[in-house]
Structures are given as structure tokens and as C-alpha cells.
Protein backbone atom coordinates (compact mmCIF):
# COMPACT_ATOMS: atom_id res chain seq x y z
CA MET A 1 121.88 109.00 115.47
CA ALA A 2 120.50 106.22 117.35
CA ALA A 3 119.88 105.95 121.55
CA GLU A 4 122.55 104.32 123.40
CA ASN A 5 121.24 100.89 124.65
CA LEU A 6 122.32 100.22 128.20
CA TRP A 7 120.26 96.79 127.80
CA ARG A 8 118.16 94.85 125.83
CA GLY A 9 116.01 92.04 126.36
CA ARG A 10 114.62 89.39 123.68
CA LEU A 11 111.30 87.08 125.34
CA THR A 12 109.92 84.25 123.28
CA ASN A 13 107.19 82.38 124.26
CA PRO A 14 107.74 79.22 122.26
CA ALA A 15 104.29 77.43 123.23
CA LEU A 16 102.39 80.52 121.62
CA GLN A 17 104.39 80.76 118.47
CA TRP A 18 104.56 77.42 117.19
CA GLY A 19 101.66 75.62 119.39
CA VAL A 20 99.22 78.22 117.98
CA THR A 21 100.90 77.85 114.67
CA ALA A 22 100.37 74.43 114.65
CA LEU A 23 96.95 74.30 115.56
CA ILE A 24 96.13 76.83 112.67
CA ALA A 25 98.05 74.91 110.44
CA VAL A 26 95.68 71.58 111.84
CA LEU A 27 92.58 73.78 111.34
CA THR A 28 93.43 75.24 107.40
CA MET A 29 94.27 71.73 106.60
CA LEU A 30 90.63 70.75 108.15
CA GLY A 31 88.67 73.33 106.89
CA ILE A 32 90.06 72.66 103.47
CA TYR A 33 89.19 69.06 103.67
CA GLY A 34 85.92 69.42 105.37
CA ASN A 35 84.69 71.44 102.54
CA GLN A 36 84.31 68.92 100.00
CA PHE A 37 81.58 67.50 102.71
CA ALA A 38 79.77 70.74 103.07
CA ALA A 39 76.32 71.77 101.51
CA PRO A 40 77.28 72.68 98.06
CA GLU A 41 76.17 76.53 98.25
CA LYS A 42 78.20 76.40 101.15
CA GLN A 43 81.45 74.95 99.98
CA MET A 44 84.57 77.24 99.09
CA ARG A 45 84.76 77.72 95.10
CA GLY A 46 87.24 78.20 93.24
CA ASN A 47 89.90 81.20 94.73
CA ASP A 48 87.92 80.71 98.12
CA VAL A 49 90.46 78.12 98.86
CA VAL A 50 93.67 80.32 98.43
CA TRP A 51 92.10 83.14 100.23
CA PHE A 52 91.27 81.05 103.33
CA THR A 53 94.92 79.58 103.25
CA LEU A 54 96.14 83.48 102.94
CA LEU A 55 93.84 84.33 105.49
CA MET A 56 95.55 82.01 107.92
CA VAL A 57 98.74 82.36 107.15
CA LEU A 58 98.22 86.10 107.84
CA VAL A 59 96.91 84.95 111.39
CA VAL A 60 99.89 82.88 111.82
CA ALA A 61 102.54 85.88 110.75
CA ILE A 62 100.64 88.17 113.23
CA ILE A 63 100.75 85.72 116.11
CA THR A 64 104.65 85.27 115.45
CA GLN A 65 105.19 88.80 116.18
CA PHE A 66 103.26 88.81 119.12
CA SER A 67 104.91 85.76 120.75
CA THR A 68 108.58 87.87 120.66
CA LEU A 69 109.00 90.62 122.99
CA ILE A 70 112.02 92.83 122.93
CA THR A 71 112.71 95.44 125.39
CA GLU A 72 115.62 97.87 125.38
CA VAL A 73 116.75 100.38 128.37
CA ARG A 74 118.11 103.43 126.68
CA ARG A 75 118.87 107.17 128.23
CA ASP A 76 115.95 108.80 126.96
CA GLY A 77 113.63 106.20 128.20
CA PHE A 78 112.02 102.07 128.10
CA TYR A 79 111.31 100.60 125.27
CA VAL A 80 108.92 97.48 124.27
CA GLN A 81 107.91 95.98 121.11
CA PHE A 82 106.27 93.02 119.99
CA GLY A 83 108.19 90.98 117.46
CA VAL A 84 110.97 92.47 114.84
CA ALA A 85 108.86 94.11 113.03
CA GLY A 86 107.42 96.41 115.83
CA ILE A 87 103.81 95.77 115.60
CA PHE A 88 102.78 97.39 118.95
CA ARG A 89 105.66 99.42 120.48
CA ARG A 90 105.74 101.90 123.41
CA LYS A 91 108.29 104.07 124.78
CA ILE A 92 107.96 104.96 128.81
CA ALA A 93 109.75 108.13 129.40
CA TRP A 94 111.92 108.06 132.70
CA GLU A 95 110.00 111.25 133.75
CA ASN A 96 106.94 109.95 134.26
CA VAL A 97 108.19 107.27 136.02
CA ALA A 98 107.59 107.30 139.96
CA LYS A 99 109.40 103.66 140.83
CA VAL A 100 110.39 100.57 139.26
CA GLU A 101 110.60 97.23 140.60
CA LEU A 102 111.40 93.53 139.80
CA ILE A 103 107.92 91.46 140.63
CA MET A 104 106.85 87.85 139.79
CA VAL A 105 104.00 88.17 136.81
CA ARG A 106 101.30 86.08 136.41
CA PRO A 107 99.37 86.06 133.09
CA THR A 108 96.33 85.22 135.30
CA GLU A 109 96.14 88.82 136.74
CA TRP A 110 96.50 90.21 133.82
CA GLY A 111 94.50 88.26 131.77
CA GLY A 112 96.55 86.10 129.78
CA TRP A 113 99.14 86.47 127.28
CA GLY A 114 99.59 89.32 124.90
CA TYR A 115 99.49 92.96 125.46
CA ARG A 116 96.75 93.58 128.02
CA TRP A 117 94.68 96.31 129.59
CA VAL A 118 93.24 95.85 132.93
CA PRO A 119 91.13 99.05 133.92
CA TRP A 120 90.35 97.73 137.58
CA ARG A 121 94.39 97.53 138.37
CA LYS A 122 94.77 100.96 136.23
CA GLY A 123 97.24 99.41 134.28
CA THR A 124 98.68 97.41 130.87
CA ALA A 125 100.68 94.45 130.65
CA ALA A 126 103.09 93.04 128.16
CA VAL A 127 102.73 89.23 129.01
CA LEU A 128 104.25 86.21 127.28
CA ARG A 129 105.18 84.07 130.62
CA LYS A 130 104.60 83.34 133.98
CA GLY A 131 108.13 84.74 135.73
CA PRO A 132 110.07 87.47 136.35
CA GLY A 133 109.37 91.11 134.99
CA LEU A 134 109.13 94.66 135.56
CA ARG A 135 106.58 97.14 137.22
CA PHE A 136 106.44 100.90 136.28
CA ASP A 137 104.43 102.73 138.14
CA PHE A 138 103.52 105.97 137.33
CA ALA A 139 103.07 109.70 138.80
CA ASN A 140 99.49 109.70 137.42
CA GLY A 141 98.79 106.47 139.30
CA LYS A 142 98.84 103.99 136.28
CA VAL A 143 101.07 101.15 136.06
CA PHE A 144 102.47 99.07 133.33
CA VAL A 145 104.20 95.58 133.92
CA VAL A 146 106.07 93.91 131.45
CA THR A 147 107.99 89.96 131.36
CA ILE A 148 111.49 90.10 130.51
CA ASP A 149 114.26 87.54 130.86
CA ASP A 150 117.60 88.92 132.93
CA ALA A 151 114.95 91.41 135.05
CA GLU A 152 117.60 92.19 137.48
CA ASN A 153 120.24 93.73 134.98
CA ALA A 154 117.51 95.25 133.45
CA LEU A 155 116.43 97.21 136.90
CA ALA A 156 119.92 98.01 137.62
CA ALA A 157 120.34 99.59 134.36
CA ILE A 158 117.15 101.27 134.85
CA ARG A 159 118.48 102.57 138.26
CA ARG A 160 121.91 103.74 136.65
CA VAL A 161 119.56 105.72 133.73
CA LEU A 162 117.25 106.99 137.07
CA ASP A 163 120.22 108.20 139.00
CA GLU A 164 121.76 110.35 136.51
CA LEU A 165 118.65 112.18 135.65
CA PRO A 166 118.46 115.59 137.20
CA PRO A 167 116.21 115.93 140.07
CA ALA A 168 112.61 116.91 139.35
């Protein structure tokens, strides 16, 4: 039986998804076009063009997955996953959480977009844009930050779950 969803959010960064996809498409076309001007010993031959194109399609598929962030508040924890295929998943168990707060997230503070580990902040982050998000402080002093839409309602759902937990 699936755990009860108390809140679910989905955030997509269209600049990352479509901007990078368009850039890779242009670079792929330029690479294939420019191949005819390369020195004969450096030209792609036979199936090389097909493999090159498939590699670029794979890169686009991975970037598309990492441009969507799905978050869920459940009774057994907070879930984060990139893309519908769930390439990266993380579960935050409530018993590890010392504090949760609403914050303004800036990608530059975490090294840009994506899943980031920042050792000097003792934390990790799932960042897709500048804007509201949640900061989880753990009992061990580590931090997890995530950008989400509707952060106020997510925090309210989290507080309801935390209030129902037995005291530690």
C-alpha cells in the first residue's frame, strides 16, 4: 500500500529544459555539418554520426529529467526526485529532522542549478530556480535545501506531520 500523500509539488525550469535542449540541438547540427570540413583522418564515418546523434539525444533526455523536481510530503517522510523517471531520489525521514523553515533560495549560494553538495555549508540542495524553498536542518548539523512552488502549504503539511509524531 502506498504512503498517503499529504502534499505534492512539481517544479520545472523551462530555461534549463528548453534552453539547453535547443543549445545541444544546434551544437549537434553544427558538429554534423562541420564534420565535412574536418581533416579526413578526423571525420566521423559510417555509424559515427548516428552514435554522435544518439549520444546528444541521451544528454537531452538526462537534462530533461534534471529540469523537473517532484516533492512530496508523506507521513513517513519528505520525498524529493528529479524527473518523472526518478533518476535521483531522496527520502528525508522525519526522525532525522530538527527544524524546517521557509527560505529564499538563490542558486548562486549552492553552486548553480541541479543537485548540489556544498561541504562548507555542511549541506546539499536540489535547486532549479531562485525563489521560495524549504531548509531542513538535521540533528547531526547537516542541511538540505530544496526549491519548490507552494512552499507555504508544503511547510504547513510538514508541521502537521511533525506535530503528530510522538516525542523523541
